[in-house]
Amino acid sequence: MLEVFYQTVGIASENTYVVVNEKKEALIIDPGAGAQMLIHWIKSHHWQPQAILLTHCHFDHIESVDELRDAFGIEAYVHHIEADYLSDPNLNLSANMPVQPVAARPAEHVWQAEDMKEQQVGSFHFRVAHIPGHSPGHVVYIFENQKFVIAGDTLFQGSIGRTDLYLGDYHHLINGIKTHLYSLPDDTTIYPGHGQSTTIKFEKRFNPYTN
């Protein structure tokens, strides 16, 4: 049994997720702003982080990636298309935002095209799916047995991720959502990068961008 916890952080109200198993082992996904708060939160629950997974590398999803790697001695995973984004404030968009420019260390692990399948990190099993459109190397993490997805900035409650940013593509995003997310069971929970959680059933019925 896995549990999903989150904190909403930073100027973009980004959701930083922690997925925890019964042994209190944890995956941190998209660590945004507020590194010290996130570290205290994780330690206060006695969770044991195993890795950091990134859905994509826009600044609001990576602001604490170095601090959390150092605090817990863990490594980060990112899609190869965005491997350079971590260390480049122009690519991760922090250079043009009212935040400290983000220039993090490179990720220790890079998802390749052949990695878009079932994966194991520590004792966690999940599927990685590439859904570009909001950003070119955006991935989602699908925990099929637990019926939930950490979806980043692909699918929101009643909306979708922006496609007007650098290398965004509306048609790629819609195609990816319909191919990789709408093929999941209707009772699958979507945990987005911003806003409240939703379900595949609700979005297939009511999302104006995909209907």
Protein backbone atom coordinates (compact mmCIF):
# COMPACT_ATOMS: atom_id res chain seq x y z
CA MET A 1 0.00 0.00 0.00
CA LEU A 2 1.35 3.39 -1.00
CA GLU A 3 0.29 6.76 0.39
CA VAL A 4 0.67 10.10 -1.37
CA PHE A 5 1.44 13.27 0.56
CA TYR A 6 2.15 16.75 -0.74
CA GLN A 7 3.07 20.32 0.09
CA THR A 8 2.12 23.28 -2.07
CA VAL A 9 5.10 25.61 -2.36
CA GLY A 10 6.59 28.64 -4.08
CA ILE A 11 5.30 31.51 -6.18
CA ALA A 12 3.67 29.11 -8.64
CA SER A 13 1.87 27.09 -5.93
CA GLU A 14 3.59 23.92 -7.09
CA ASN A 15 2.75 20.56 -5.53
CA THR A 16 5.77 18.67 -4.19
CA TYR A 17 4.83 15.01 -3.69
CA VAL A 18 6.14 12.28 -1.42
CA VAL A 19 5.04 8.71 -2.13
CA VAL A 20 5.48 6.51 0.95
CA ASN A 21 5.27 2.74 1.44
CA GLU A 22 4.50 0.76 4.59
CA LYS A 23 8.21 0.71 5.53
CA LYS A 24 8.27 4.54 5.40
CA GLU A 25 10.52 4.42 2.36
CA ALA A 26 9.74 7.36 0.12
CA LEU A 27 10.06 8.84 -3.35
CA ILE A 28 10.20 12.63 -3.59
CA ILE A 29 8.67 13.97 -6.80
CA ASP A 30 9.23 17.51 -8.10
CA PRO A 31 10.75 19.25 -5.07
CA GLY A 32 9.85 22.92 -5.47
CA ALA A 33 10.66 25.92 -3.29
CA GLY A 34 11.17 25.86 0.47
CA ALA A 35 13.96 23.33 0.85
CA GLN A 36 14.34 23.62 4.61
CA MET A 37 10.60 23.30 5.17
CA LEU A 38 10.47 20.22 2.94
CA ILE A 39 13.44 18.65 4.72
CA HIS A 40 11.85 19.29 8.14
CA TRP A 41 8.50 17.92 6.94
CA ILE A 42 10.06 14.72 5.63
CA LYS A 43 12.23 14.19 8.71
CA SER A 44 9.32 14.89 11.07
CA HIS A 45 7.45 11.93 9.59
CA HIS A 46 10.54 9.70 9.72
CA TRP A 47 10.22 8.98 6.01
CA GLN A 48 13.27 7.49 4.33
CA PRO A 49 13.74 9.04 0.87
CA GLN A 50 15.12 6.68 -1.78
CA ALA A 51 15.29 9.03 -4.79
CA ILE A 52 13.97 12.18 -6.42
CA LEU A 53 11.86 11.77 -9.56
CA LEU A 54 11.30 14.79 -11.80
CA THR A 55 8.34 15.08 -14.15
CA HIS A 56 10.05 17.98 -15.91
CA CYS A 57 12.56 20.71 -15.20
CA HIS A 58 10.73 24.01 -15.08
CA PHE A 59 12.11 25.96 -12.13
CA ASP A 60 9.07 25.59 -9.86
CA HIS A 61 9.48 21.80 -9.88
CA ILE A 62 13.24 21.67 -9.16
CA GLU A 63 14.08 24.55 -6.80
CA SER A 64 15.02 22.23 -3.90
CA VAL A 65 16.51 19.35 -5.84
CA ASP A 66 20.11 19.92 -4.73
CA GLU A 67 19.27 20.60 -1.08
CA LEU A 68 17.17 17.45 -0.82
CA ARG A 69 19.77 15.34 -2.59
CA ASP A 70 22.37 16.55 -0.10
CA ALA A 71 20.14 16.25 2.97
CA PHE A 72 19.16 12.65 2.29
CA GLY A 73 22.06 11.35 0.19
CA ILE A 74 19.80 10.44 -2.73
CA GLU A 75 19.91 10.76 -6.52
CA ALA A 76 17.65 12.36 -9.12
CA TYR A 77 15.99 11.03 -12.28
CA VAL A 78 15.00 13.13 -15.31
CA HIS A 79 14.14 12.60 -19.00
CA HIS A 80 17.20 12.92 -21.23
CA ILE A 81 15.68 15.75 -23.29
CA GLU A 82 15.71 17.97 -20.22
CA ALA A 83 19.00 16.84 -18.73
CA ASP A 84 20.54 20.27 -19.37
CA TYR A 85 17.58 22.17 -17.93
CA LEU A 86 18.59 21.53 -14.32
CA SER A 87 21.73 23.64 -14.59
CA ASP A 88 20.53 26.27 -17.09
CA PRO A 89 18.32 29.09 -15.70
CA ASN A 90 17.25 30.05 -19.22
CA LEU A 91 16.01 26.57 -20.06
CA ASN A 92 14.32 26.01 -16.68
CA LEU A 93 12.77 29.50 -16.98
CA SER A 94 14.04 30.77 -13.62
CA ALA A 95 16.16 33.45 -15.34
CA ASN A 96 13.01 35.38 -16.24
CA MET A 97 11.10 34.92 -12.99
CA PRO A 98 11.23 36.77 -9.64
CA VAL A 99 13.13 33.92 -8.00
CA GLN A 100 16.75 33.06 -7.41
CA PRO A 101 18.06 31.57 -10.70
CA VAL A 102 18.10 27.78 -10.45
CA ALA A 103 21.37 26.16 -11.49
CA ALA A 104 21.28 22.67 -10.01
CA ARG A 105 23.71 19.82 -10.50
CA PRO A 106 23.03 17.36 -13.33
CA ALA A 107 20.76 14.43 -12.53
CA GLU A 108 22.48 11.18 -11.71
CA HIS A 109 20.01 9.16 -13.80
CA VAL A 110 18.57 10.04 -17.20
CA TRP A 111 15.51 8.32 -18.64
CA GLN A 112 16.06 7.29 -22.27
CA ALA A 113 13.42 6.39 -24.85
CA GLU A 114 13.81 2.71 -24.02
CA ASP A 115 13.07 3.49 -20.35
CA MET A 116 9.47 4.49 -21.08
CA LYS A 117 8.11 1.34 -19.47
CA GLU A 118 7.89 -0.38 -16.09
CA GLN A 119 10.68 0.71 -13.77
CA GLN A 120 11.88 -0.03 -10.26
CA VAL A 121 13.59 2.46 -7.96
CA GLY A 122 14.35 0.93 -4.59
CA SER A 123 11.27 -1.08 -3.69
CA PHE A 124 8.94 1.12 -5.77
CA HIS A 125 7.49 -0.08 -9.07
CA PHE A 126 5.95 2.34 -11.55
CA ARG A 127 5.69 3.06 -15.26
CA VAL A 128 7.30 6.06 -16.92
CA ALA A 129 5.44 7.65 -19.84
CA HIS A 130 6.72 10.51 -21.99
CA ILE A 131 4.05 13.18 -22.52
CA PRO A 132 5.63 16.23 -24.19
CA GLY A 133 3.72 19.41 -24.90
CA HIS A 134 4.07 21.44 -21.72
CA SER A 135 7.79 20.83 -21.98
CA PRO A 136 9.71 18.57 -24.37
CA GLY A 137 10.96 16.04 -21.84
CA HIS A 138 7.92 15.85 -19.60
CA VAL A 139 7.17 12.44 -18.11
CA VAL A 140 4.49 11.12 -15.80
CA TYR A 141 4.86 8.39 -13.19
CA ILE A 142 2.07 5.81 -13.35
CA PHE A 143 1.54 3.58 -10.30
CA GLU A 144 -0.92 1.24 -12.00
CA ASN A 145 -1.41 -1.25 -9.16
CA GLN A 146 -2.21 1.61 -6.80
CA LYS A 147 -4.34 3.43 -9.40
CA PHE A 148 -2.69 6.83 -9.28
CA VAL A 149 -0.46 9.00 -11.45
CA ILE A 150 1.95 11.78 -10.53
CA ALA A 151 1.17 13.84 -13.60
CA GLY A 152 3.21 17.03 -13.29
CA ASP A 153 1.93 19.74 -15.62
CA THR A 154 0.08 17.55 -18.12
CA LEU A 155 -3.47 17.11 -16.86
CA PHE A 156 -5.16 19.30 -14.24
CA GLN A 157 -8.63 19.32 -12.75
CA GLY A 158 -10.64 20.76 -15.63
CA SER A 159 -7.56 21.97 -17.49
CA ILE A 160 -4.19 21.04 -19.00
CA GLY A 161 -0.63 22.31 -18.77
CA ARG A 162 0.40 25.46 -20.58
CA THR A 163 1.71 24.96 -24.09
CA ASP A 164 2.83 28.54 -24.79
CA LEU A 165 6.19 28.11 -23.06
CA TYR A 166 9.52 27.26 -24.72
CA LEU A 167 9.11 24.20 -26.99
CA GLY A 168 5.49 23.73 -25.92
CA ASP A 169 3.12 21.90 -28.27
CA TYR A 170 -0.64 21.73 -27.72
CA HIS A 171 -1.26 18.80 -30.06
CA HIS A 172 1.51 16.69 -28.53
CA LEU A 173 0.09 17.31 -25.07
CA ILE A 174 -3.47 16.39 -25.99
CA ASN A 175 -2.30 13.28 -27.83
CA GLY A 176 -0.17 12.21 -24.87
CA ILE A 177 -3.00 12.70 -22.39
CA LYS A 178 -5.40 10.65 -24.49
CA THR A 179 -2.84 7.93 -25.21
CA HIS A 180 -1.18 7.48 -21.83
CA LEU A 181 -3.69 8.78 -19.28
CA TYR A 182 -7.17 8.30 -20.71
CA SER A 183 -6.32 4.65 -21.39
CA LEU A 184 -6.07 4.08 -17.62
CA PRO A 185 -9.03 2.88 -15.51
CA ASP A 186 -11.63 5.56 -14.80
CA ASP A 187 -11.01 5.39 -11.05
CA THR A 188 -7.33 6.29 -11.43
CA THR A 189 -6.40 9.37 -9.38
CA ILE A 190 -4.40 12.14 -11.05
CA TYR A 191 -2.07 14.11 -8.78
CA PRO A 192 -1.14 17.25 -10.76
CA GLY A 193 1.72 19.69 -10.42
CA HIS A 194 -0.71 22.47 -9.45
CA GLY A 195 -4.17 22.43 -7.92
CA GLN A 196 -6.34 19.65 -6.58
CA SER A 197 -6.31 15.97 -7.49
CA THR A 198 -8.84 14.60 -9.95
CA THR A 199 -9.76 11.33 -11.64
CA ILE A 200 -9.57 9.98 -15.15
CA LYS A 201 -13.35 9.53 -15.16
CA PHE A 202 -13.97 13.20 -14.29
CA GLU A 203 -11.51 14.56 -16.84
CA LYS A 204 -12.71 12.33 -19.67
CA ARG A 205 -16.23 13.61 -19.05
CA PHE A 206 -15.71 17.28 -18.18
CA ASN A 207 -12.28 18.53 -19.28
CA PRO A 208 -12.99 21.11 -22.02
CA TYR A 209 -9.54 20.72 -23.59
CA THR A 210 -9.85 17.02 -24.30
CA ASN A 211 -13.52 16.80 -25.30
